[in-house]
Amino acid sequence: MVAMEFNTTFMSDFTIAEQFGPAAVQDTYERVFQQWHDDYRYLTDLVIVLNRKLWGHWENDPDSPFTALYNELWAAANDYALDNLKGAKLDYFLKAVD
């Protein structure tokens, strides 16, 4: 298993965005993904953060708009990683998200 220390500030970025509503979370995702989708370590961080945010909101309120939004964003980022990472980069991703 890959030791998981975040290389990014994504967790705090999304936590701050939540204070401004789902549209701000969506905007944060779009900016983060656009800037970092080609960096496999940052992409891995993004997928893990989105997954943790999804589960955190689901535990508090499964019907929250944040739960649905984080599920959608996680699925998109996770699918992108699985479709585009190859070799050692994919191995890193799979070990980190396992």
N, C-alpha and C. Protein backbone atom coordinates (compact mmCIF):
# COMPACT_ATOMS: atom_id res chain seq x y z
N MET A 1 0.84 -1.19 0.00
CA MET A 1 0.00 0.00 0.00
C MET A 1 0.88 1.25 0.00
N VAL A 2 0.47 2.23 -0.73
CA VAL A 2 1.17 3.51 -0.80
C VAL A 2 0.85 4.31 0.45
N ALA A 3 1.89 4.85 1.11
CA ALA A 3 1.64 5.72 2.26
C ALA A 3 0.88 6.94 1.78
N MET A 4 -0.22 7.27 2.45
CA MET A 4 -1.07 8.33 1.96
C MET A 4 -0.94 9.59 2.78
N GLU A 5 -0.06 10.42 2.34
CA GLU A 5 0.01 11.79 2.82
C GLU A 5 -0.32 12.64 1.61
N PHE A 6 -1.27 13.52 1.76
CA PHE A 6 -1.66 14.31 0.61
C PHE A 6 -0.54 15.21 0.14
N ASN A 7 -0.41 15.26 -1.17
CA ASN A 7 0.55 16.14 -1.82
C ASN A 7 -0.09 17.50 -2.12
N THR A 8 -1.35 17.64 -1.77
CA THR A 8 -2.13 18.80 -2.19
C THR A 8 -2.91 19.40 -1.01
N THR A 9 -3.58 20.50 -1.31
CA THR A 9 -4.49 21.12 -0.34
C THR A 9 -5.94 20.87 -0.72
N PHE A 10 -6.18 19.83 -1.52
CA PHE A 10 -7.54 19.60 -2.03
C PHE A 10 -8.58 19.42 -0.93
N MET A 11 -8.23 18.73 0.13
CA MET A 11 -9.21 18.51 1.20
C MET A 11 -9.67 19.86 1.77
N SER A 12 -8.75 20.73 2.07
CA SER A 12 -9.15 22.04 2.62
C SER A 12 -9.81 22.90 1.55
N ASP A 13 -9.38 22.77 0.31
CA ASP A 13 -10.00 23.54 -0.78
C ASP A 13 -11.49 23.20 -0.89
N PHE A 14 -11.81 21.91 -0.85
CA PHE A 14 -13.21 21.51 -0.95
C PHE A 14 -13.99 21.85 0.31
N THR A 15 -13.35 21.75 1.46
CA THR A 15 -14.02 22.11 2.71
C THR A 15 -14.40 23.59 2.69
N ILE A 16 -13.52 24.43 2.21
CA ILE A 16 -13.81 25.86 2.09
C ILE A 16 -14.93 26.09 1.09
N ALA A 17 -14.86 25.42 -0.05
CA ALA A 17 -15.88 25.59 -1.10
C ALA A 17 -17.26 25.21 -0.59
N GLU A 18 -17.34 24.19 0.27
CA GLU A 18 -18.64 23.76 0.79
C GLU A 18 -19.37 24.88 1.52
N GLN A 19 -18.63 25.79 2.10
CA GLN A 19 -19.25 26.90 2.83
C GLN A 19 -20.04 27.81 1.90
N PHE A 20 -19.77 27.69 0.59
CA PHE A 20 -20.42 28.55 -0.40
C PHE A 20 -21.42 27.77 -1.27
N GLY A 21 -21.62 26.50 -0.95
CA GLY A 21 -22.64 25.71 -1.63
C GLY A 21 -22.12 24.77 -2.70
N PRO A 22 -23.02 23.93 -3.21
CA PRO A 22 -22.63 22.94 -4.21
C PRO A 22 -22.01 23.54 -5.48
N ALA A 23 -22.48 24.69 -5.91
CA ALA A 23 -21.91 25.31 -7.12
C ALA A 23 -20.43 25.64 -6.92
N ALA A 24 -20.06 26.05 -5.72
CA ALA A 24 -18.66 26.35 -5.43
C ALA A 24 -17.82 25.07 -5.41
N VAL A 25 -18.41 23.98 -4.92
CA VAL A 25 -17.71 22.69 -4.94
C VAL A 25 -17.49 22.26 -6.39
N GLN A 26 -18.51 22.39 -7.22
CA GLN A 26 -18.39 22.05 -8.63
C GLN A 26 -17.30 22.88 -9.29
N ASP A 27 -17.29 24.18 -9.02
CA ASP A 27 -16.29 25.07 -9.59
C ASP A 27 -14.88 24.68 -9.12
N THR A 28 -14.74 24.35 -7.86
CA THR A 28 -13.44 23.93 -7.33
C THR A 28 -12.97 22.67 -8.04
N TYR A 29 -13.88 21.72 -8.20
CA TYR A 29 -13.52 20.49 -8.92
C TYR A 29 -13.06 20.81 -10.34
N GLU A 30 -13.80 21.61 -11.05
CA GLU A 30 -13.45 21.92 -12.43
C GLU A 30 -12.08 22.58 -12.53
N ARG A 31 -11.79 23.50 -11.62
CA ARG A 31 -10.48 24.16 -11.64
C ARG A 31 -9.37 23.19 -11.29
N VAL A 32 -9.58 22.38 -10.25
CA VAL A 32 -8.56 21.42 -9.81
C VAL A 32 -8.32 20.39 -10.90
N PHE A 33 -9.39 19.83 -11.44
CA PHE A 33 -9.24 18.79 -12.46
C PHE A 33 -8.54 19.34 -13.70
N GLN A 34 -8.96 20.51 -14.15
CA GLN A 34 -8.35 21.12 -15.34
C GLN A 34 -6.84 21.32 -15.16
N GLN A 35 -6.46 21.78 -13.99
CA GLN A 35 -5.05 22.09 -13.75
C GLN A 35 -4.21 20.85 -13.48
N TRP A 36 -4.78 19.82 -12.85
CA TRP A 36 -3.95 18.73 -12.33
C TRP A 36 -4.25 17.34 -12.88
N HIS A 37 -5.16 17.16 -13.81
CA HIS A 37 -5.51 15.82 -14.26
C HIS A 37 -4.35 15.07 -14.92
N ASP A 38 -3.34 15.77 -15.37
CA ASP A 38 -2.19 15.11 -16.00
C ASP A 38 -1.12 14.69 -15.00
N ASP A 39 -1.24 15.08 -13.74
CA ASP A 39 -0.28 14.70 -12.71
C ASP A 39 -0.89 13.53 -11.93
N TYR A 40 -0.35 12.33 -12.09
CA TYR A 40 -0.99 11.15 -11.51
C TYR A 40 -1.05 11.18 -10.00
N ARG A 41 -0.08 11.81 -9.34
CA ARG A 41 -0.12 11.89 -7.88
C ARG A 41 -1.25 12.84 -7.43
N TYR A 42 -1.36 13.97 -8.09
CA TYR A 42 -2.41 14.92 -7.74
C TYR A 42 -3.78 14.37 -8.12
N LEU A 43 -3.86 13.68 -9.25
CA LEU A 43 -5.12 13.06 -9.64
C LEU A 43 -5.53 12.02 -8.60
N THR A 44 -4.57 11.26 -8.12
CA THR A 44 -4.83 10.28 -7.07
C THR A 44 -5.35 10.97 -5.81
N ASP A 45 -4.69 12.05 -5.40
CA ASP A 45 -5.17 12.82 -4.25
C ASP A 45 -6.60 13.28 -4.46
N LEU A 46 -6.89 13.78 -5.65
CA LEU A 46 -8.23 14.29 -5.94
C LEU A 46 -9.27 13.19 -5.78
N VAL A 47 -9.01 12.02 -6.32
CA VAL A 47 -9.96 10.91 -6.23
C VAL A 47 -10.17 10.51 -4.76
N ILE A 48 -9.10 10.45 -3.99
CA ILE A 48 -9.22 10.06 -2.58
C ILE A 48 -9.99 11.12 -1.79
N VAL A 49 -9.68 12.38 -2.02
CA VAL A 49 -10.39 13.46 -1.32
C VAL A 49 -11.88 13.43 -1.67
N LEU A 50 -12.20 13.28 -2.94
CA LEU A 50 -13.61 13.24 -3.34
C LEU A 50 -14.32 12.06 -2.70
N ASN A 51 -13.64 10.92 -2.61
CA ASN A 51 -14.23 9.74 -1.97
C ASN A 51 -14.47 9.99 -0.49
N ARG A 52 -13.50 10.58 0.19
CA ARG A 52 -13.67 10.86 1.62
C ARG A 52 -14.77 11.88 1.86
N LYS A 53 -14.85 12.89 1.00
CA LYS A 53 -15.91 13.88 1.12
C LYS A 53 -17.28 13.23 0.88
N LEU A 54 -17.36 12.37 -0.13
CA LEU A 54 -18.59 11.65 -0.42
C LEU A 54 -19.04 10.86 0.79
N TRP A 55 -18.16 10.06 1.38
CA TRP A 55 -18.55 9.24 2.51
C TRP A 55 -18.87 10.07 3.75
N GLY A 56 -18.14 11.14 3.95
CA GLY A 56 -18.42 12.01 5.09
C GLY A 56 -19.81 12.61 5.01
N HIS A 57 -20.18 13.08 3.84
CA HIS A 57 -21.51 13.66 3.68
C HIS A 57 -22.58 12.59 3.71
N TRP A 58 -22.32 11.42 3.13
CA TRP A 58 -23.29 10.34 3.14
C TRP A 58 -23.60 9.89 4.56
N GLU A 59 -22.56 9.82 5.40
CA GLU A 59 -22.79 9.42 6.80
C GLU A 59 -23.66 10.43 7.54
N ASN A 60 -23.50 11.72 7.23
CA ASN A 60 -24.29 12.76 7.90
C ASN A 60 -25.69 12.89 7.32
N ASP A 61 -25.81 12.77 6.00
CA ASP A 61 -27.10 12.95 5.34
C ASP A 61 -27.03 12.35 3.93
N PRO A 62 -27.46 11.10 3.78
CA PRO A 62 -27.39 10.45 2.46
C PRO A 62 -28.11 11.22 1.36
N ASP A 63 -29.08 12.04 1.73
CA ASP A 63 -29.86 12.78 0.75
C ASP A 63 -29.35 14.20 0.51
N SER A 64 -28.22 14.54 1.09
CA SER A 64 -27.64 15.87 0.93
C SER A 64 -27.24 16.13 -0.53
N PRO A 65 -27.41 17.36 -0.98
CA PRO A 65 -26.94 17.68 -2.34
C PRO A 65 -25.42 17.49 -2.46
N PHE A 66 -24.70 17.64 -1.36
CA PHE A 66 -23.26 17.40 -1.40
C PHE A 66 -22.94 15.92 -1.62
N THR A 67 -23.75 15.04 -1.03
CA THR A 67 -23.54 13.61 -1.21
C THR A 67 -23.65 13.25 -2.69
N ALA A 68 -24.70 13.68 -3.31
CA ALA A 68 -24.91 13.39 -4.74
C ALA A 68 -23.82 14.02 -5.60
N LEU A 69 -23.47 15.26 -5.30
CA LEU A 69 -22.44 15.94 -6.09
C LEU A 69 -21.09 15.27 -5.94
N TYR A 70 -20.69 14.97 -4.72
CA TYR A 70 -19.39 14.31 -4.53
C TYR A 70 -19.38 12.92 -5.18
N ASN A 71 -20.51 12.23 -5.18
CA ASN A 71 -20.57 10.94 -5.85
C ASN A 71 -20.31 11.11 -7.35
N GLU A 72 -20.94 12.10 -7.94
CA GLU A 72 -20.77 12.38 -9.37
C GLU A 72 -19.32 12.77 -9.68
N LEU A 73 -18.76 13.65 -8.87
CA LEU A 73 -17.40 14.13 -9.12
C LEU A 73 -16.38 13.01 -8.91
N TRP A 74 -16.58 12.22 -7.84
CA TRP A 74 -15.68 11.09 -7.60
C TRP A 74 -15.71 10.12 -8.77
N ALA A 75 -16.90 9.77 -9.23
CA ALA A 75 -17.02 8.81 -10.34
C ALA A 75 -16.32 9.33 -11.59
N ALA A 76 -16.47 10.60 -11.89
CA ALA A 76 -15.84 11.18 -13.08
C ALA A 76 -14.32 11.14 -12.97
N ALA A 77 -13.78 11.55 -11.83
CA ALA A 77 -12.32 11.57 -11.65
C ALA A 77 -11.76 10.16 -11.60
N ASN A 78 -12.46 9.26 -10.92
CA ASN A 78 -12.01 7.87 -10.82
C ASN A 78 -12.01 7.21 -12.21
N ASP A 79 -13.07 7.39 -12.96
CA ASP A 79 -13.14 6.83 -14.31
C ASP A 79 -12.04 7.39 -15.19
N TYR A 80 -11.79 8.70 -15.08
CA TYR A 80 -10.72 9.31 -15.87
C TYR A 80 -9.38 8.65 -15.54
N ALA A 81 -9.11 8.48 -14.26
CA ALA A 81 -7.84 7.86 -13.84
C ALA A 81 -7.73 6.44 -14.39
N LEU A 82 -8.78 5.65 -14.24
CA LEU A 82 -8.74 4.26 -14.70
C LEU A 82 -8.60 4.17 -16.22
N ASP A 83 -9.17 5.12 -16.93
CA ASP A 83 -9.10 5.11 -18.40
C ASP A 83 -7.78 5.65 -18.94
N ASN A 84 -7.08 6.49 -18.17
CA ASN A 84 -5.93 7.21 -18.72
C ASN A 84 -4.59 6.88 -18.10
N LEU A 85 -4.56 6.40 -16.88
CA LEU A 85 -3.28 6.06 -16.26
C LEU A 85 -2.83 4.69 -16.75
N LYS A 86 -1.54 4.54 -16.96
CA LYS A 86 -0.97 3.29 -17.45
C LYS A 86 0.26 2.93 -16.64
N GLY A 87 0.61 1.65 -16.62
CA GLY A 87 1.85 1.19 -16.04
C GLY A 87 2.00 1.53 -14.57
N ALA A 88 3.17 2.07 -14.24
CA ALA A 88 3.50 2.39 -12.84
C ALA A 88 2.57 3.47 -12.28
N LYS A 89 2.11 4.37 -13.13
CA LYS A 89 1.18 5.41 -12.65
C LYS A 89 -0.15 4.81 -12.24
N LEU A 90 -0.65 3.86 -13.03
CA LEU A 90 -1.88 3.17 -12.67
C LEU A 90 -1.68 2.33 -11.41
N ASP A 91 -0.54 1.67 -11.31
CA ASP A 91 -0.23 0.88 -10.12
C ASP A 91 -0.25 1.76 -8.87
N TYR A 92 0.37 2.93 -8.95
CA TYR A 92 0.38 3.88 -7.82
C TYR A 92 -1.05 4.24 -7.44
N PHE A 93 -1.85 4.58 -8.44
CA PHE A 93 -3.24 4.97 -8.20
C PHE A 93 -4.01 3.84 -7.53
N LEU A 94 -3.92 2.65 -8.08
CA LEU A 94 -4.68 1.52 -7.54
C LEU A 94 -4.26 1.17 -6.13
N LYS A 95 -2.99 1.25 -5.83
CA LYS A 95 -2.52 0.96 -4.48
C LYS A 95 -2.98 2.03 -3.50
N ALA A 96 -3.00 3.27 -3.95
CA ALA A 96 -3.38 4.38 -3.06
C ALA A 96 -4.88 4.36 -2.76
N VAL A 97 -5.69 4.04 -3.75
CA VAL A 97 -7.13 4.09 -3.54
C VAL A 97 -7.69 2.79 -2.97
N ASP A 98 -6.89 1.75 -2.91
CA ASP A 98 -7.34 0.46 -2.38
C ASP A 98 -7.61 0.53 -0.90
